[in-house]
C-alpha atoms as a PDB file:
ATOM      1  CA  MET A   1     -64.808  31.131 -50.321  1.00  0.00           C
ATOM      2  CA  SER A   2     -64.582  29.255 -47.084  1.00  0.00           C
ATOM      3  CA  LYS A   3     -64.501  30.941 -43.956  1.00  0.00           C
ATOM      4  CA  GLY A   4     -64.045  28.133 -41.728  1.00  0.00           C
ATOM      5  CA  PRO A   5     -61.308  26.212 -40.388  1.00  0.00           C
ATOM      6  CA  VAL A   6     -59.697  23.849 -43.264  1.00  0.00           C
ATOM      7  CA  LEU A   7     -59.399  20.143 -42.504  1.00  0.00           C
ATOM      8  CA  ILE A   8     -57.011  18.112 -44.514  1.00  0.00           C
ATOM      9  CA  ASP A   9     -57.489  14.202 -44.337  1.00  0.00           C
ATOM     10  CA  LEU A  10     -54.747  12.022 -44.227  1.00  0.00           C
ATOM     11  CA  GLU A  11     -55.045   8.999 -46.126  1.00  0.00           C
ATOM     12  CA  ASN A  12     -52.337   6.995 -44.182  1.00  0.00           C
ATOM     13  CA  GLU A  13     -52.740   7.483 -40.433  1.00  0.00           C
ATOM     14  CA  ASP A  14     -49.342   6.087 -40.035  1.00  0.00           C
ATOM     15  CA  LEU A  15     -48.086   8.974 -41.381  1.00  0.00           C
ATOM     16  CA  ALA A  16     -48.950  11.375 -39.074  1.00  0.00           C
ATOM     17  CA  PRO A  17     -46.705  13.572 -37.171  1.00  0.00           C
ATOM     18  CA  SER A  18     -45.921  12.669 -33.331  1.00  0.00           C
ATOM     19  CA  VAL A  19     -45.704  15.157 -30.634  1.00  0.00           C
ATOM     20  CA  ALA A  20     -42.948  12.392 -29.399  1.00  0.00           C
ATOM     21  CA  GLU A  21     -40.555  12.887 -32.506  1.00  0.00           C
ATOM     22  CA  ALA A  22     -41.015  16.618 -32.104  1.00  0.00           C
ATOM     23  CA  PRO A  23     -37.728  18.218 -31.788  1.00  0.00           C
ATOM     24  CA  PRO A  24     -36.640  20.116 -28.655  1.00  0.00           C
ATOM     25  CA  VAL A  25     -37.374  23.525 -27.895  1.00  0.00           C
ATOM     26  CA  PRO A  26     -34.224  25.434 -28.230  1.00  0.00           C
ATOM     27  CA  ASP A  27     -33.120  26.881 -25.222  1.00  0.00           C
ATOM     28  CA  ILE A  28     -32.177  30.202 -25.499  1.00  0.00           C
ATOM     29  CA  ALA A  29     -31.616  31.188 -21.732  1.00  0.00           C
ATOM     30  CA  GLU A  30     -28.380  32.883 -20.567  1.00  0.00           C
ATOM     31  CA  PRO A  31     -25.113  30.460 -22.367  1.00  0.00           C
ATOM     32  CA  VAL A  32     -23.921  28.715 -19.385  1.00  0.00           C
ATOM     33  CA  PRO A  33     -20.236  29.986 -18.319  1.00  0.00           C
ATOM     34  CA  GLU A  34     -17.703  28.077 -19.704  1.00  0.00           C
ATOM     35  CA  GLY A  35     -14.330  29.064 -17.543  1.00  0.00           C
ATOM     36  CA  GLN A  36     -13.145  30.779 -20.798  1.00  0.00           C
ATOM     37  CA  ALA A  37     -10.281  32.467 -19.177  1.00  0.00           C
ATOM     38  CA  MET A  38      -8.697  29.323 -17.681  1.00  0.00           C
ATOM     39  CA  GLN A  39      -9.091  27.632 -20.809  1.00  0.00           C
ATOM     40  CA  VAL A  40      -7.261  30.263 -22.634  1.00  0.00           C
ATOM     41  CA  ALA A  41      -4.505  30.156 -20.638  1.00  0.00           C
ATOM     42  CA  ALA A  42      -4.439  26.701 -19.761  1.00  0.00           C
ATOM     43  CA  ARG A  43      -3.628  26.308 -23.838  1.00  0.00           C
ATOM     44  CA  LEU A  44      -1.458  29.227 -23.930  1.00  0.00           C
ATOM     45  CA  ALA A  45       0.890  27.465 -21.476  1.00  0.00           C
ATOM     46  CA  ALA A  46       0.435  23.552 -22.858  1.00  0.00           C
ATOM     47  CA  ARG A  47       1.164  25.362 -26.758  1.00  0.00           C
ATOM     48  CA  PRO A  48       4.763  23.519 -27.733  1.00  0.00           C
ATOM     49  CA  PRO A  49       6.805  26.009 -29.479  1.00  0.00           C
ATOM     50  CA  SER A  50       7.676  25.094 -33.178  1.00  0.00           C
ATOM     51  CA  ARG A  51      11.275  24.053 -33.893  1.00  0.00           C
ATOM     52  CA  LEU A  52      11.246  27.054 -36.571  1.00  0.00           C
ATOM     53  CA  ALA A  53      10.614  29.348 -33.281  1.00  0.00           C
ATOM     54  CA  ARG A  54      13.372  27.852 -30.767  1.00  0.00           C
ATOM     55  CA  TRP A  55      15.658  28.845 -33.781  1.00  0.00           C
ATOM     56  CA  PHE A  56      14.507  32.326 -34.069  1.00  0.00           C
ATOM     57  CA  TRP A  57      14.320  32.984 -30.162  1.00  0.00           C
ATOM     58  CA  ALA A  58      17.753  31.148 -29.842  1.00  0.00           C
ATOM     59  CA  LEU A  59      19.601  33.109 -32.603  1.00  0.00           C
ATOM     60  CA  LEU A  60      17.910  36.406 -31.263  1.00  0.00           C
ATOM     61  CA  GLY A  61      19.143  36.108 -28.036  1.00  0.00           C
ATOM     62  CA  LEU A  62      22.770  35.205 -29.434  1.00  0.00           C
ATOM     63  CA  LEU A  63      22.317  37.939 -31.758  1.00  0.00           C
ATOM     64  CA  LEU A  64      21.080  40.416 -28.698  1.00  0.00           C
ATOM     65  CA  SER A  65      23.702  39.114 -26.224  1.00  0.00           C
ATOM     66  CA  THR A  66      26.514  40.004 -28.690  1.00  0.00           C
ATOM     67  CA  VAL A  67      25.626  43.473 -30.006  1.00  0.00           C
ATOM     68  CA  VAL A  68      25.111  44.233 -26.203  1.00  0.00           C
ATOM     69  CA  SER A  69      28.628  43.370 -25.264  1.00  0.00           C
ATOM     70  CA  VAL A  70      30.197  44.874 -27.769  1.00  0.00           C
ATOM     71  CA  ALA A  71      28.379  48.119 -27.167  1.00  0.00           C
ATOM     72  CA  ALA A  72      29.163  47.742 -23.566  1.00  0.00           C
ATOM     73  CA  TRP A  73      33.069  47.097 -24.113  1.00  0.00           C
ATOM     74  CA  ASP A  74      33.413  50.097 -26.542  1.00  0.00           C
ATOM     75  CA  PHE A  75      31.366  52.204 -24.317  1.00  0.00           C
ATOM     76  CA  VAL A  76      33.644  51.263 -20.865  1.00  0.00           C
ATOM     77  CA  THR A  77      37.106  51.643 -22.733  1.00  0.00           C
ATOM     78  CA  GLY A  78      35.901  54.782 -24.385  1.00  0.00           C
ATOM     79  CA  LEU A  79      35.172  56.197 -21.008  1.00  0.00           C
ATOM     80  CA  ILE A  80      38.366  54.914 -19.557  1.00  0.00           C
ATOM     81  CA  ALA A  81      40.283  56.804 -22.359  1.00  0.00           C
ATOM     82  CA  ARG A  82      38.300  59.855 -21.733  1.00  0.00           C
ATOM     83  CA  SER A  83      38.010  59.787 -17.702  1.00  0.00           C
ATOM     84  CA  PRO A  84      40.124  57.019 -16.189  1.00  0.00           C
ATOM     85  CA  MET A  85      38.176  57.252 -12.627  1.00  0.00           C
ATOM     86  CA  LEU A  86      34.718  57.344 -14.469  1.00  0.00           C
ATOM     87  CA  GLY A  87      35.322  54.646 -16.390  1.00  0.00           C
ATOM     88  CA  TRP A  88      36.911  51.878 -13.382  1.00  0.00           C
ATOM     89  CA  LEU A  89      34.011  52.897 -11.848  1.00  0.00           C
ATOM     90  CA  VAL A  90      31.428  51.844 -14.656  1.00  0.00           C
ATOM     91  CA  THR A  91      33.472  48.755 -15.306  1.00  0.00           C
ATOM     92  CA  GLY A  92      33.110  47.884 -11.598  1.00  0.00           C
ATOM     93  CA  LEU A  93      29.163  48.369 -12.319  1.00  0.00           C
ATOM     94  CA  VAL A  94      29.289  45.936 -15.594  1.00  0.00           C
ATOM     95  CA  GLY A  95      31.412  43.310 -13.493  1.00  0.00           C
ATOM     96  CA  ALA A  96      28.912  43.381 -10.446  1.00  0.00           C
ATOM     97  CA  PHE A  97      25.897  43.431 -13.201  1.00  0.00           C
ATOM     98  CA  VAL A  98      27.991  39.956 -14.987  1.00  0.00           C
ATOM     99  CA  LEU A  99      27.784  38.294 -11.382  1.00  0.00           C
ATOM    100  CA  VAL A 100      24.321  39.002 -10.682  1.00  0.00           C
ATOM    101  CA  ALA A 101      23.540  37.515 -14.045  1.00  0.00           C
ATOM    102  CA  LEU A 102      26.044  34.453 -13.343  1.00  0.00           C
ATOM    103  CA  ALA A 103      23.659  34.029  -9.972  1.00  0.00           C
ATOM    104  CA  ILE A 104      20.650  34.171 -11.386  1.00  0.00           C
ATOM    105  CA  ALA A 105      21.267  31.334 -13.830  1.00  0.00           C
ATOM    106  CA  LEU A 106      23.308  29.448 -11.080  1.00  0.00           C
ATOM    107  CA  LYS A 107      20.132  29.573  -9.322  1.00  0.00           C
ATOM    108  CA  GLU A 108      18.051  28.404 -12.131  1.00  0.00           C
ATOM    109  CA  LEU A 109      20.221  25.584 -12.828  1.00  0.00           C
ATOM    110  CA  ALA A 110      19.692  24.822  -9.190  1.00  0.00           C
ATOM    111  CA  GLY A 111      16.163  24.948  -9.376  1.00  0.00           C
ATOM    112  CA  PHE A 112      16.023  22.476 -12.038  1.00  0.00           C
ATOM    113  CA  ALA A 113      18.273  20.195  -9.961  1.00  0.00           C
ATOM    114  CA  ARG A 114      15.954  20.144  -7.618  1.00  0.00           C
ATOM    115  CA  LEU A 115      13.246  19.448  -9.963  1.00  0.00           C
ATOM    116  CA  ARG A 116      14.983  16.527 -11.245  1.00  0.00           C
ATOM    117  CA  ARG A 117      15.535  14.954  -7.926  1.00  0.00           C
ATOM    118  CA  VAL A 118      12.007  15.321  -6.893  1.00  0.00           C
ATOM    119  CA  ASP A 119      11.277  13.490  -9.982  1.00  0.00           C
ATOM    120  CA  ALA A 120      13.698  10.730  -9.619  1.00  0.00           C
ATOM    121  CA  LEU A 121      12.722   9.871  -5.997  1.00  0.00           C
ATOM    122  CA  LYS A 122       8.848   9.680  -7.561  1.00  0.00           C
ATOM    123  CA  ALA A 123      10.225   7.499 -10.052  1.00  0.00           C
ATOM    124  CA  GLN A 124      12.224   5.079  -7.589  1.00  0.00           C
ATOM    125  CA  ALA A 125       9.055   5.223  -5.371  1.00  0.00           C
ATOM    126  CA  ASP A 126       6.630   3.796  -8.754  1.00  0.00           C
ATOM    127  CA  ARG A 127       8.786   0.817  -8.906  1.00  0.00           C
ATOM    128  CA  ALA A 128       9.210  -0.010  -5.349  1.00  0.00           C
ATOM    129  CA  LEU A 129       5.470  -0.099  -5.193  1.00  0.00           C
ATOM    130  CA  ALA A 130       5.059  -2.025  -8.281  1.00  0.00           C
ATOM    131  CA  SER A 131       7.828  -4.460  -7.565  1.00  0.00           C
ATOM    132  CA  LYS A 132       7.040  -4.627  -4.144  1.00  0.00           C
ATOM    133  CA  ASP A 133      10.512  -4.081  -2.936  1.00  0.00           C
ATOM    134  CA  LEU A 134      11.414  -3.547   0.529  1.00  0.00           C
ATOM    135  CA  LYS A 135      15.159  -2.392  -0.180  1.00  0.00           C
ATOM    136  CA  ALA A 136      14.011   0.086  -2.617  1.00  0.00           C
ATOM    137  CA  ALA A 137      11.352   1.644  -0.627  1.00  0.00           C
ATOM    138  CA  ARG A 138      13.805   2.081   2.235  1.00  0.00           C
ATOM    139  CA  ARG A 139      15.979   4.055   0.141  1.00  0.00           C
ATOM    140  CA  VAL A 140      13.360   5.981  -0.920  1.00  0.00           C
ATOM    141  CA  VAL A 141      12.225   6.576   2.662  1.00  0.00           C
ATOM    142  CA  ASP A 142      15.988   7.564   3.129  1.00  0.00           C
ATOM    143  CA  GLN A 143      16.189  10.026   0.445  1.00  0.00           C
ATOM    144  CA  MET A 144      13.028  12.184   1.536  1.00  0.00           C
ATOM    145  CA  GLU A 145      14.519  12.218   4.988  1.00  0.00           C
ATOM    146  CA  ARG A 146      17.236  14.054   3.602  1.00  0.00           C
ATOM    147  CA  LEU A 147      14.912  15.958   1.040  1.00  0.00           C
ATOM    148  CA  TYR A 148      13.532  16.952   4.066  1.00  0.00           C
ATOM    149  CA  ALA A 149      15.886  17.341   6.946  1.00  0.00           C
ATOM    150  CA  GLY A 150      15.964  20.667   8.190  1.00  0.00           C
ATOM    151  CA  ARG A 151      12.528  21.368   7.603  1.00  0.00           C
ATOM    152  CA  GLU A 152      10.641  22.645  10.764  1.00  0.00           C
ATOM    153  CA  ASP A 153       7.208  21.991   9.262  1.00  0.00           C
ATOM    154  CA  THR A 154       8.476  17.781   8.792  1.00  0.00           C
ATOM    155  CA  ALA A 155      10.490  17.452  12.733  1.00  0.00           C
ATOM    156  CA  TRP A 156       7.474  15.810  14.093  1.00  0.00           C
ATOM    157  CA  GLY A 157       6.766  13.624  10.739  1.00  0.00           C
ATOM    158  CA  ARG A 158      10.424  12.410  10.716  1.00  0.00           C
ATOM    159  CA  GLN A 159      10.995  11.577  14.390  1.00  0.00           C
ATOM    160  CA  ARG A 160       7.737   9.240  14.170  1.00  0.00           C
ATOM    161  CA  LEU A 161       8.602   7.977  11.238  1.00  0.00           C
ATOM    162  CA  SER A 162      12.454   6.903  12.387  1.00  0.00           C
ATOM    163  CA  GLU A 163      10.789   5.273  15.420  1.00  0.00           C
ATOM    164  CA  ARG A 164       8.225   3.458  13.346  1.00  0.00           C
ATOM    165  CA  ARG A 165       9.797   2.644  10.072  1.00  0.00           C
ATOM    166  CA  GLY A 166      12.017  -0.374  11.614  1.00  0.00           C
ATOM    167  CA  ASP A 167       9.003  -2.529  12.602  1.00  0.00           C
ATOM    168  CA  VAL A 168       7.259  -2.374   8.938  1.00  0.00           C
ATOM    169  CA  MET A 169       8.313  -5.120   6.702  1.00  0.00           C
ATOM    170  CA  ASP A 170       6.374  -4.304   3.818  1.00  0.00           C
ATOM    171  CA  ALA A 171       7.277  -1.922   0.513  1.00  0.00           C
ATOM    172  CA  ASP A 172       3.538  -0.242   0.330  1.00  0.00           C
ATOM    173  CA  ALA A 173       3.074   0.122   4.056  1.00  0.00           C
ATOM    174  CA  LEU A 174       6.486   1.437   4.790  1.00  0.00           C
ATOM    175  CA  LEU A 175       5.470   4.214   1.916  1.00  0.00           C
ATOM    176  CA  GLY A 176       2.390   4.753   2.946  1.00  0.00           C
ATOM    177  CA  LEU A 177       4.244   5.593   6.668  1.00  0.00           C
ATOM    178  CA  ALA A 178       6.304   7.807   5.119  1.00  0.00           C
ATOM    179  CA  GLU A 179       3.729   9.137   3.248  1.00  0.00           C
ATOM    180  CA  THR A 180       1.508   9.813   6.240  1.00  0.00           C
ATOM    181  CA  GLU A 181       4.217  11.456   8.241  1.00  0.00           C
ATOM    182  CA  LEU A 182       6.059  13.096   5.967  1.00  0.00           C
ATOM    183  CA  LEU A 183       4.038  14.446   3.464  1.00  0.00           C
ATOM    184  CA  ARG A 184       0.522  15.125   4.909  1.00  0.00           C
ATOM    185  CA  PRO A 185       1.132  18.471   6.776  1.00  0.00           C
ATOM    186  CA  LEU A 186       2.897  19.313   3.327  1.00  0.00           C
ATOM    187  CA  ASP A 187      -0.433  17.932   1.726  1.00  0.00           C
ATOM    188  CA  LEU A 188      -2.395  20.759   3.635  1.00  0.00           C
ATOM    189  CA  ALA A 189       0.313  24.021   2.596  1.00  0.00           C
ATOM    190  CA  ALA A 190      -0.438  22.775  -1.086  1.00  0.00           C
ATOM    191  CA  GLU A 191      -4.298  22.920  -0.131  1.00  0.00           C
ATOM    192  CA  ALA A 192      -3.953  26.159   1.333  1.00  0.00           C
ATOM    193  CA  GLU A 193      -2.019  27.760  -1.841  1.00  0.00           C
ATOM    194  CA  ILE A 194      -4.492  26.205  -4.354  1.00  0.00           C
ATOM    195  CA  GLU A 195      -7.585  27.490  -2.596  1.00  0.00           C
ATOM    196  CA  ALA A 196      -5.783  31.069  -2.731  1.00  0.00           C
ATOM    197  CA  ALA A 197      -5.182  31.066  -6.196  1.00  0.00           C
ATOM    198  CA  ALA A 198      -8.396  29.652  -6.867  1.00  0.00           C
ATOM    199  CA  ARG A 199      -9.939  32.503  -4.786  1.00  0.00           C
ATOM    200  CA  GLN A 200      -7.970  35.332  -6.747  1.00  0.00           C
ATOM    201  CA  VAL A 201      -8.749  34.161 -10.107  1.00  0.00           C
ATOM    202  CA  ALA A 202     -12.561  33.977  -9.227  1.00  0.00           C
ATOM    203  CA  THR A 203     -12.475  37.545  -7.609  1.00  0.00           C
ATOM    204  CA  VAL A 204     -10.454  39.322 -10.482  1.00  0.00           C
ATOM    205  CA  THR A 205     -12.805  37.154 -13.125  1.00  0.00           C
ATOM    206  CA  ALA A 206     -16.117  38.260 -11.343  1.00  0.00           C
ATOM    207  CA  LEU A 207     -15.101  42.087 -10.795  1.00  0.00           C
ATOM    208  CA  VAL A 208     -12.690  43.115 -13.187  1.00  0.00           C
ATOM    209  CA  PRO A 209     -14.628  43.432 -16.438  1.00  0.00           C
ATOM    210  CA  LEU A 210     -11.264  44.458 -18.523  1.00  0.00           C
ATOM    211  CA  ALA A 211     -10.858  42.346 -21.836  1.00  0.00           C
ATOM    212  CA  LEU A 212      -8.199  40.263 -20.918  1.00  0.00           C
ATOM    213  CA  ALA A 213      -7.483  41.039 -17.850  1.00  0.00           C
ATOM    214  CA  ASP A 214      -8.803  37.251 -16.827  1.00  0.00           C
ATOM    215  CA  VAL A 215      -6.622  35.355 -18.797  1.00  0.00           C
ATOM    216  CA  VAL A 216      -3.420  37.515 -17.159  1.00  0.00           C
ATOM    217  CA  THR A 217      -4.587  36.827 -13.861  1.00  0.00           C
ATOM    218  CA  ALA A 218      -5.580  33.156 -14.327  1.00  0.00           C
ATOM    219  CA  LEU A 219      -1.633  32.639 -16.060  1.00  0.00           C
ATOM    220  CA  THR A 220       0.162  34.525 -13.588  1.00  0.00           C
ATOM    221  CA  ALA A 221      -1.859  32.972 -10.532  1.00  0.00           C
ATOM    222  CA  ASN A 222      -1.596  29.517 -11.707  1.00  0.00           C
ATOM    223  CA  ILE A 223       2.694  29.842 -12.549  1.00  0.00           C
ATOM    224  CA  ARG A 224       2.440  31.706  -8.864  1.00  0.00           C
ATOM    225  CA  MET A 225       0.564  28.677  -7.236  1.00  0.00           C
ATOM    226  CA  ILE A 226       2.257  25.624  -9.180  1.00  0.00           C
ATOM    227  CA  ARG A 227       5.872  27.287  -8.272  1.00  0.00           C
ATOM    228  CA  ARG A 228       4.513  27.619  -4.472  1.00  0.00           C
ATOM    229  CA  ILE A 229       3.188  23.790  -4.471  1.00  0.00           C
ATOM    230  CA  ALA A 230       6.861  22.584  -6.153  1.00  0.00           C
ATOM    231  CA  GLU A 231       8.508  24.730  -2.969  1.00  0.00           C
ATOM    232  CA  VAL A 232       6.340  23.155  -0.469  1.00  0.00           C
ATOM    233  CA  TYR A 233       7.345  19.422  -1.585  1.00  0.00           C
ATOM    234  CA  GLY A 234      11.028  20.535  -1.682  1.00  0.00           C
ATOM    235  CA  GLY A 235      11.424  20.949  -5.600  1.00  0.00           C
ATOM    236  CA  ARG A 236      11.944  24.996  -5.475  1.00  0.00           C
ATOM    237  CA  ALA A 237      12.022  25.943  -8.518  1.00  0.00           C
ATOM    238  CA  GLY A 238      13.076  29.288 -10.558  1.00  0.00           C
ATOM    239  CA  THR A 239      11.561  31.440 -13.440  1.00  0.00           C
ATOM    240  CA  LEU A 240      12.108  28.854 -16.045  1.00  0.00           C
ATOM    241  CA  GLY A 241      11.628  26.005 -13.531  1.00  0.00           C
ATOM    242  CA  SER A 242       8.189  27.356 -12.721  1.00  0.00           C
ATOM    243  CA  TRP A 243       7.087  27.661 -16.873  1.00  0.00           C
ATOM    244  CA  ARG A 244       8.331  24.329 -17.428  1.00  0.00           C
ATOM    245  CA  LEU A 245       6.268  22.978 -14.523  1.00  0.00           C
ATOM    246  CA  LEU A 246       3.498  24.962 -15.641  1.00  0.00           C
ATOM    247  CA  ARG A 247       3.598  23.320 -18.977  1.00  0.00           C
ATOM    248  CA  ALA A 248       3.862  19.929 -18.103  1.00  0.00           C
ATOM    249  CA  VAL A 249       0.663  20.341 -15.622  1.00  0.00           C
ATOM    250  CA  MET A 250      -1.466  22.090 -18.339  1.00  0.00           C
ATOM    251  CA  THR A 251      -0.047  19.897 -21.749  1.00  0.00           C
ATOM    252  CA  HIS A 252      -1.362  17.073 -19.274  1.00  0.00           C
ATOM    253  CA  LEU A 253      -4.886  18.655 -18.602  1.00  0.00           C
ATOM    254  CA  VAL A 254      -5.274  19.654 -21.966  1.00  0.00           C
ATOM    255  CA  ALA A 255      -4.761  15.999 -23.395  1.00  0.00           C
ATOM    256  CA  THR A 256      -6.743  14.574 -20.830  1.00  0.00           C
ATOM    257  CA  GLY A 257      -9.395  17.366 -21.596  1.00  0.00           C
ATOM    258  CA  ALA A 258      -9.417  17.830 -17.600  1.00  0.00           C
ATOM    259  CA  VAL A 259      -9.604  21.733 -18.526  1.00  0.00           C
ATOM    260  CA  ALA A 260     -13.121  21.748 -19.072  1.00  0.00           C
ATOM    261  CA  VAL A 261     -16.612  21.743 -17.539  1.00  0.00           C
ATOM    262  CA  GLY A 262     -16.730  18.282 -16.630  1.00  0.00           C
ATOM    263  CA  ASP A 263     -19.146  16.373 -14.344  1.00  0.00           C
ATOM    264  CA  ASP A 264     -18.149  17.153 -10.918  1.00  0.00           C
ATOM    265  CA  LEU A 265     -18.812  20.007  -8.914  1.00  0.00           C
ATOM    266  CA  ILE A 266     -17.896  22.258 -11.749  1.00  0.00           C
ATOM    267  CA  GLY A 267     -20.490  21.026 -13.957  1.00  0.00           C
ATOM    268  CA  SER A 268     -23.012  21.386 -11.188  1.00  0.00           C
ATOM    269  CA  LEU A 269     -21.743  25.240 -11.062  1.00  0.00           C
ATOM    270  CA  ALA A 270     -22.289  25.687 -14.245  1.00  0.00           C
ATOM    271  CA  GLY A 271     -25.271  24.162 -15.029  1.00  0.00           C
ATOM    272  CA  GLY A 272     -27.436  23.794 -11.821  1.00  0.00           C
ATOM    273  CA  GLY A 273     -29.400  26.855 -10.041  1.00  0.00           C
ATOM    274  CA  ALA A 274     -26.026  27.913  -8.197  1.00  0.00           C
ATOM    275  CA  LEU A 275     -25.135  30.462 -11.290  1.00  0.00           C
ATOM    276  CA  ALA A 276     -28.695  31.189 -12.280  1.00  0.00           C
ATOM    277  CA  LYS A 277     -28.969  33.268  -8.900  1.00  0.00           C
ATOM    278  CA  VAL A 278     -25.710  35.421  -9.756  1.00  0.00           C
ATOM    279  CA  SER A 279     -24.784  37.286 -13.324  1.00  0.00           C
ATOM    280  CA  ARG A 280     -22.776  35.647 -15.893  1.00  0.00           C
ATOM    281  CA  ARG A 281     -19.426  37.134 -15.077  1.00  0.00           C
ATOM    282  CA  PHE A 282     -20.047  35.886 -10.986  1.00  0.00           C
ATOM    283  CA  GLY A 283     -20.611  32.373 -12.979  1.00  0.00           C
ATOM    284  CA  GLU A 284     -17.358  32.724 -14.994  1.00  0.00           C
ATOM    285  CA  GLY A 285     -15.377  33.493 -12.057  1.00  0.00           C
ATOM    286  CA  LEU A 286     -16.723  30.308 -10.102  1.00  0.00           C
ATOM    287  CA  VAL A 287     -16.262  28.190 -12.749  1.00  0.00           C
ATOM    288  CA  ASN A 288     -12.442  29.584 -13.332  1.00  0.00           C
ATOM    289  CA  GLY A 289     -12.003  29.274  -9.507  1.00  0.00           C
ATOM    290  CA  ALA A 290     -12.793  25.411 -10.035  1.00  0.00           C
ATOM    291  CA  LEU A 291     -10.600  25.302 -12.539  1.00  0.00           C
ATOM    292  CA  THR A 292      -7.797  26.580 -11.023  1.00  0.00           C
ATOM    293  CA  ALA A 293      -8.185  24.345  -8.314  1.00  0.00           C
ATOM    294  CA  ARG A 294      -8.232  21.367 -10.505  1.00  0.00           C
ATOM    295  CA  VAL A 295      -4.616  22.866 -11.712  1.00  0.00           C
ATOM    296  CA  GLY A 296      -3.233  22.909  -8.550  1.00  0.00           C
ATOM    297  CA  VAL A 297      -4.654  19.300  -7.723  1.00  0.00           C
ATOM    298  CA  ALA A 298      -2.330  18.077 -10.910  1.00  0.00           C
ATOM    299  CA  ALA A 299       0.283  20.102  -9.892  1.00  0.00           C
ATOM    300  CA  MET A 300       0.494  18.117  -6.468  1.00  0.00           C
ATOM    301  CA  GLU A 301       0.398  15.058  -8.153  1.00  0.00           C
ATOM    302  CA  VAL A 302       3.350  16.252 -10.654  1.00  0.00           C
ATOM    303  CA  CYS A 303       5.279  17.726  -7.451  1.00  0.00           C
ATOM    304  CA  ARG A 304       4.496  15.551  -4.874  1.00  0.00           C
ATOM    305  CA  PRO A 305       7.531  13.059  -4.237  1.00  0.00           C
ATOM    306  CA  LEU A 306       5.254  10.171  -3.389  1.00  0.00           C
ATOM    307  CA  PRO A 307       1.827   9.036  -5.500  1.00  0.00           C
ATOM    308  CA  PHE A 308      -1.331   9.388  -3.482  1.00  0.00           C
ATOM    309  CA  VAL A 309      -1.764   5.705  -1.902  1.00  0.00           C
ATOM    310  CA  ALA A 310      -2.370   5.780   1.859  1.00  0.00           C
ATOM    311  CA  THR A 311      -3.514   9.528   1.872  1.00  0.00           C
ATOM    312  CA  LYS A 312      -6.797  10.618   0.077  1.00  0.00           C
ATOM    313  CA  ARG A 313      -6.292  12.567  -3.101  1.00  0.00           C
ATOM    314  CA  PRO A 314      -7.719  16.025  -2.435  1.00  0.00           C
ATOM    315  CA  GLY A 315     -10.858  16.327  -4.221  1.00  0.00           C
ATOM    316  CA  VAL A 316     -11.559  19.518  -6.517  1.00  0.00           C
ATOM    317  CA  SER A 317     -15.348  20.052  -4.961  1.00  0.00           C
ATOM    318  CA  GLY A 318     -13.637  20.443  -1.348  1.00  0.00           C
ATOM    319  CA  LEU A 319     -10.982  22.961  -2.340  1.00  0.00           C
ATOM    320  CA  VAL A 320     -13.320  24.758  -4.256  1.00  0.00           C
ATOM    321  CA  LYS A 321     -15.821  24.901  -1.382  1.00  0.00           C
ATOM    322  CA  ARG A 322     -13.306  26.027   1.395  1.00  0.00           C
ATOM    323  CA  ALA A 323     -11.720  28.794  -1.239  1.00  0.00           C
ATOM    324  CA  LEU A 324     -14.982  30.340  -2.528  1.00  0.00           C
ATOM    325  CA  THR A 325     -17.487  29.899   0.399  1.00  0.00           C
ATOM    326  CA  GLY A 326     -18.859  33.454   0.934  1.00  0.00           C
ATOM    327  CA  LEU A 327     -16.788  34.980  -2.081  1.00  0.00           C
ATOM    328  CA  PHE A 328     -20.309  35.569  -3.537  1.00  0.00           C
ATOM    329  CA  GLY A 329     -22.282  35.529  -1.080  1.00  0.00           C
ATOM    330  CA  GLY A 330     -23.114  31.953  -0.852  1.00  0.00           C
END
């Protein structure tokens, strides 16, 4: 039995394995954070309800409202029969409740009307830009002045716009002037809302280890952020309107694959050395905050009455840097 090394002669040297063809060594390092909370929240918000689910909730709501109405009627009439004074007092309380419910319903309808108004204004602006129609552009500017009339944060811009709009004879230039004078302060306010939401989502994700707490925080923070951005641009939405805006924004982002770790600052945060110095939990917080900023920029594009033409679309990188600078010690 030989104790030395065993040599195997290959008849064909071309069949010898090459080092260059060896498979890469698998990376066994800590998995890269992917912003799981934001991705789950986005998919939950963007998931379209099925027709069967719509029928179920509609019939359930109708059934519950009927049962409650009949029970309240029987309760009030029986109470009036036993104690007229107390019965009429309860009747007044029920009437007050019905009035408040009607006021809430009217508020929701008004919120939907404001959203449709801003959507229609944006569609008119897009058509005016595409056709280079100066008259259509002037109508858009007139509607924007009426939309923001009475708002102190646009008073200076409205004054400058009224002084300079007569000298502009080009549709693109006129809409660009309106965008610069009227929407610039509103853009800054919307960016502040995005930074606040990104900071909140990042902090909760990093510091709260409870299961699903980061998903709930991401969903509620994004709903509140989108609602406030809509209010900034004049499309104040109610509860149902805010949910509609959230679904519109999230559906667009999920369809385009934007709610994921990409090639911009989010990708560098997830794969670079920034996260190597902190724990995975802090890394998830950074990525979730960056994805929240991306949702906020999409919400600006949805809620803004004019597209980004004369002014630059805010970058996710800049928003993330301002929102998260110093939050995790960097």
